[in-house]
């Protein structure tokens, strides 16, 4: 069953255009949210370069890098899903959306394991834990406070993204989203790409970039 045109739209293309515009406006607010956090990170890192260097050195770089690869592959699979849907390949599209959802869940599982590893060594949000007894450099507490805040907020967006894709998958399977009106899946893919782009910025800031001198 193809998507129906809502009563307040004169055609399906206009309805699709309005939906895309609404999503871009929403994504603009998301960019502003994370931009504020990135500015806060830059300010504190400028003030405490050595403390942030200690944070980077003691972070789980392998886990963060693996998760980067997971999200990059997921961006490819959801983009390919939209491409296949536009070609009328409903089953291939559904399989690719399901793969993207699976990769999103893998990301969350790895991130959960990463947090548990932090807790194991006494590293908790808010500068609490035995880890800071041996790493009392100024700025280290702020580094990990921002780390838990920003990566946790990002993880919430991944949860929302996987839920949205799961909902869209049910519509693809029921043929309520098809090549005639692929824009709902395309809009969901745009949101997923934003989630991936945000992580591409978080990855070097919290895992890769060395800090300054004491």
Protein backbone atom coordinates (compact mmCIF):
# COMPACT_ATOMS: atom_id res chain seq x y z
CA UNK A 1 0.00 0.00 0.00
CA UNK A 2 1.59 3.27 -1.12
CA UNK A 3 1.76 6.32 1.09
CA UNK A 4 -1.32 8.51 0.98
CA UNK A 5 -1.22 12.27 0.48
CA UNK A 6 -2.34 14.15 3.58
CA UNK A 7 -5.38 16.37 3.12
CA UNK A 8 -3.49 19.64 3.62
CA UNK A 9 -1.02 18.87 0.79
CA UNK A 10 -1.92 19.20 -2.87
CA UNK A 11 0.51 16.52 -4.03
CA UNK A 12 2.95 13.87 -2.82
CA UNK A 13 6.05 15.86 -3.94
CA UNK A 14 4.94 18.84 -1.86
CA UNK A 15 4.34 16.58 1.11
CA UNK A 16 7.81 15.08 0.71
CA UNK A 17 9.36 18.55 0.42
CA UNK A 18 7.67 19.71 3.63
CA UNK A 19 8.87 16.59 5.46
CA UNK A 20 12.45 17.11 4.30
CA UNK A 21 12.34 20.79 5.29
CA UNK A 22 11.04 19.88 8.74
CA UNK A 23 13.85 17.37 9.22
CA UNK A 24 16.54 19.87 8.17
CA UNK A 25 15.17 22.43 10.63
CA UNK A 26 15.23 19.80 13.38
CA UNK A 27 18.78 18.80 12.47
CA UNK A 28 19.77 22.46 12.67
CA UNK A 29 18.71 22.52 16.33
CA UNK A 30 20.73 19.35 16.94
CA UNK A 31 23.81 20.94 15.40
CA UNK A 32 23.39 23.98 17.65
CA UNK A 33 23.14 21.72 20.71
CA UNK A 34 26.36 19.88 19.99
CA UNK A 35 28.09 23.05 18.78
CA UNK A 36 27.69 24.53 22.25
CA UNK A 37 29.27 21.44 23.79
CA UNK A 38 32.15 21.53 21.30
CA UNK A 39 32.81 25.18 22.18
CA UNK A 40 32.82 24.24 25.88
CA UNK A 41 35.27 21.44 25.15
CA UNK A 42 37.57 23.80 23.22
CA UNK A 43 37.53 26.37 26.04
CA UNK A 44 38.44 23.87 28.75
CA UNK A 45 41.03 22.15 26.58
CA UNK A 46 42.73 25.48 25.92
CA UNK A 47 42.81 26.15 29.65
CA UNK A 48 43.94 22.66 30.73
CA UNK A 49 45.85 21.04 27.81
CA UNK A 50 47.85 18.66 30.02
CA UNK A 51 44.80 17.42 31.92
CA UNK A 52 43.04 16.69 28.63
CA UNK A 53 46.16 14.92 27.37
CA UNK A 54 46.02 12.61 30.40
CA UNK A 55 42.37 11.94 29.62
CA UNK A 56 43.10 11.01 26.01
CA UNK A 57 45.99 8.76 27.05
CA UNK A 58 43.78 6.86 29.51
CA UNK A 59 40.76 6.51 27.23
CA UNK A 60 39.77 3.30 25.42
CA UNK A 61 41.06 4.24 21.96
CA UNK A 62 40.59 0.77 20.43
CA UNK A 63 36.93 0.57 21.44
CA UNK A 64 36.26 4.10 20.22
CA UNK A 65 37.98 3.40 16.90
CA UNK A 66 36.05 0.17 16.37
CA UNK A 67 32.82 2.05 16.99
CA UNK A 68 33.87 4.62 14.40
CA UNK A 69 34.19 1.85 11.83
CA UNK A 70 30.80 0.44 12.83
CA UNK A 71 29.07 3.78 12.29
CA UNK A 72 30.82 4.43 8.98
CA UNK A 73 29.64 1.07 7.64
CA UNK A 74 26.13 1.78 8.94
CA UNK A 75 26.05 5.08 7.03
CA UNK A 76 26.91 3.17 3.87
CA UNK A 77 24.23 0.52 4.42
CA UNK A 78 21.43 3.02 5.06
CA UNK A 79 22.45 5.09 2.02
CA UNK A 80 22.44 1.93 -0.07
CA UNK A 81 19.03 1.01 1.37
CA UNK A 82 17.56 4.28 0.09
CA UNK A 83 19.19 3.68 -3.29
CA UNK A 84 17.73 0.17 -3.53
CA UNK A 85 14.28 1.41 -2.51
CA UNK A 86 14.30 4.00 -5.28
CA UNK A 87 15.12 1.19 -7.72
CA UNK A 88 12.10 -0.75 -6.48
CA UNK A 89 14.21 -3.39 -4.69
CA UNK A 90 12.00 -3.71 -1.63
CA UNK A 91 13.58 -6.83 -0.14
CA UNK A 92 17.15 -5.60 -0.61
CA UNK A 93 16.17 -2.31 1.00
CA UNK A 94 14.63 -4.07 3.99
CA UNK A 95 17.74 -6.20 4.46
CA UNK A 96 20.00 -3.15 4.38
CA UNK A 97 17.84 -1.23 6.85
CA UNK A 98 17.90 -4.24 9.18
CA UNK A 99 21.69 -4.36 8.82
CA UNK A 100 21.91 -0.69 9.77
CA UNK A 101 19.78 -1.32 12.86
CA UNK A 102 22.03 -4.24 13.82
CA UNK A 103 25.13 -2.06 13.45
CA UNK A 104 23.52 0.63 15.59
CA UNK A 105 22.89 -1.96 18.29
CA UNK A 106 26.51 -3.13 17.98
CA UNK A 107 27.64 0.45 18.54
CA UNK A 108 25.53 0.68 21.69
CA UNK A 109 26.81 -2.67 22.96
CA UNK A 110 30.43 -1.60 22.46
CA UNK A 111 29.79 1.76 24.10
CA UNK A 112 28.15 0.01 27.07
CA UNK A 113 31.18 -2.26 27.41
CA UNK A 114 33.42 0.80 27.23
CA UNK A 115 31.53 2.54 30.03
CA UNK A 116 31.69 -0.61 32.16
CA UNK A 117 35.47 -0.73 31.64
CA UNK A 118 35.70 2.87 32.84
CA UNK A 119 33.64 2.02 35.92
CA UNK A 120 35.87 -1.00 36.59
CA UNK A 121 38.95 1.21 36.94
CA UNK A 122 37.09 3.69 39.13
CA UNK A 123 36.31 6.30 36.51
CA UNK A 124 32.82 7.76 36.81
CA UNK A 125 31.01 10.86 35.51
CA UNK A 126 31.36 14.07 37.48
CA UNK A 127 34.97 13.50 38.50
CA UNK A 128 34.02 10.75 40.95
CA UNK A 129 36.06 7.58 41.45
CA UNK A 130 39.40 6.17 42.54
CA UNK A 131 40.90 6.84 39.08
CA UNK A 132 41.35 10.51 39.97
CA UNK A 133 43.50 9.72 43.00
CA UNK A 134 46.33 8.75 40.65
CA UNK A 135 45.43 11.26 37.94
CA UNK A 136 44.84 14.53 39.71
CA UNK A 137 46.00 16.79 36.90
CA UNK A 138 43.90 19.92 36.48
CA UNK A 139 41.38 19.37 33.71
CA UNK A 140 41.25 15.58 33.79
CA UNK A 141 37.97 15.57 35.69
CA UNK A 142 36.50 18.03 33.21
CA UNK A 143 37.73 15.93 30.29
CA UNK A 144 35.89 12.83 31.47
CA UNK A 145 32.85 14.82 32.56
CA UNK A 146 32.55 16.15 29.01
CA UNK A 147 33.35 12.69 27.66
CA UNK A 148 30.48 11.02 29.51
CA UNK A 149 28.12 13.92 28.75
CA UNK A 150 28.81 14.18 25.02
CA UNK A 151 29.20 10.48 24.22
CA UNK A 152 26.19 9.66 26.40
CA UNK A 153 24.08 12.26 24.59
CA UNK A 154 25.29 10.84 21.30
CA UNK A 155 24.36 7.31 22.43
CA UNK A 156 20.82 8.54 23.16
CA UNK A 157 20.65 9.80 19.58
CA UNK A 158 21.79 6.38 18.35
CA UNK A 159 18.98 4.76 20.37
CA UNK A 160 16.46 7.16 18.83
CA UNK A 161 17.91 6.54 15.37
CA UNK A 162 17.66 2.76 15.65
CA UNK A 163 14.07 3.06 16.89
CA UNK A 164 13.17 5.32 13.96
CA UNK A 165 14.80 2.94 11.48
CA UNK A 166 12.97 -0.03 13.05
CA UNK A 167 9.68 1.82 12.59
CA UNK A 168 10.54 2.63 8.98
CA UNK A 169 11.55 -0.99 8.38
CA UNK A 170 8.06 -2.17 9.32
CA UNK A 171 6.63 0.27 6.78
CA UNK A 172 9.03 -0.94 4.09
CA UNK A 173 8.04 -4.55 4.77
CA UNK A 174 4.36 -3.62 4.50
CA UNK A 175 5.10 -1.66 1.31
CA UNK A 176 3.77 1.51 2.94
CA UNK A 177 7.10 3.02 1.88
CA UNK A 178 8.05 2.23 -1.71
CA UNK A 179 9.82 3.63 -4.74
CA UNK A 180 6.77 5.84 -5.36
CA UNK A 181 7.38 7.73 -2.12
CA UNK A 182 10.80 6.86 -0.67
CA UNK A 183 11.19 10.14 1.22
CA UNK A 184 10.33 8.81 4.73
CA UNK A 185 13.28 6.41 4.59
CA UNK A 186 15.49 9.07 3.00
CA UNK A 187 14.65 11.47 5.83
CA UNK A 188 15.42 8.78 8.42
CA UNK A 189 18.74 8.19 6.67
CA UNK A 190 19.59 11.90 6.91
CA UNK A 191 19.12 11.76 10.68
CA UNK A 192 21.33 8.67 10.87
CA UNK A 193 24.04 10.39 8.85
CA UNK A 194 24.01 13.33 11.28
CA UNK A 195 24.49 10.92 14.19
CA UNK A 196 27.50 9.48 12.36
CA UNK A 197 28.98 12.89 11.55
CA UNK A 198 28.77 13.97 15.19
CA UNK A 199 30.70 10.85 16.21
CA UNK A 200 33.37 11.60 13.61
CA UNK A 201 34.06 14.79 15.57
CA UNK A 202 33.85 13.13 18.99
CA UNK A 203 36.27 10.36 18.04
CA UNK A 204 39.43 12.48 17.57
CA UNK A 205 38.58 14.87 20.41
CA UNK A 206 38.25 12.17 23.04
CA UNK A 207 40.45 9.37 21.69
CA UNK A 208 43.15 10.63 19.32
CA UNK A 209 44.33 14.22 19.73
CA UNK A 210 47.25 14.44 22.17
CA UNK A 211 47.32 17.30 24.63
CA UNK A 212 49.88 19.89 25.58
CA UNK A 213 52.70 20.13 28.08
CA UNK A 214 52.20 20.33 31.86
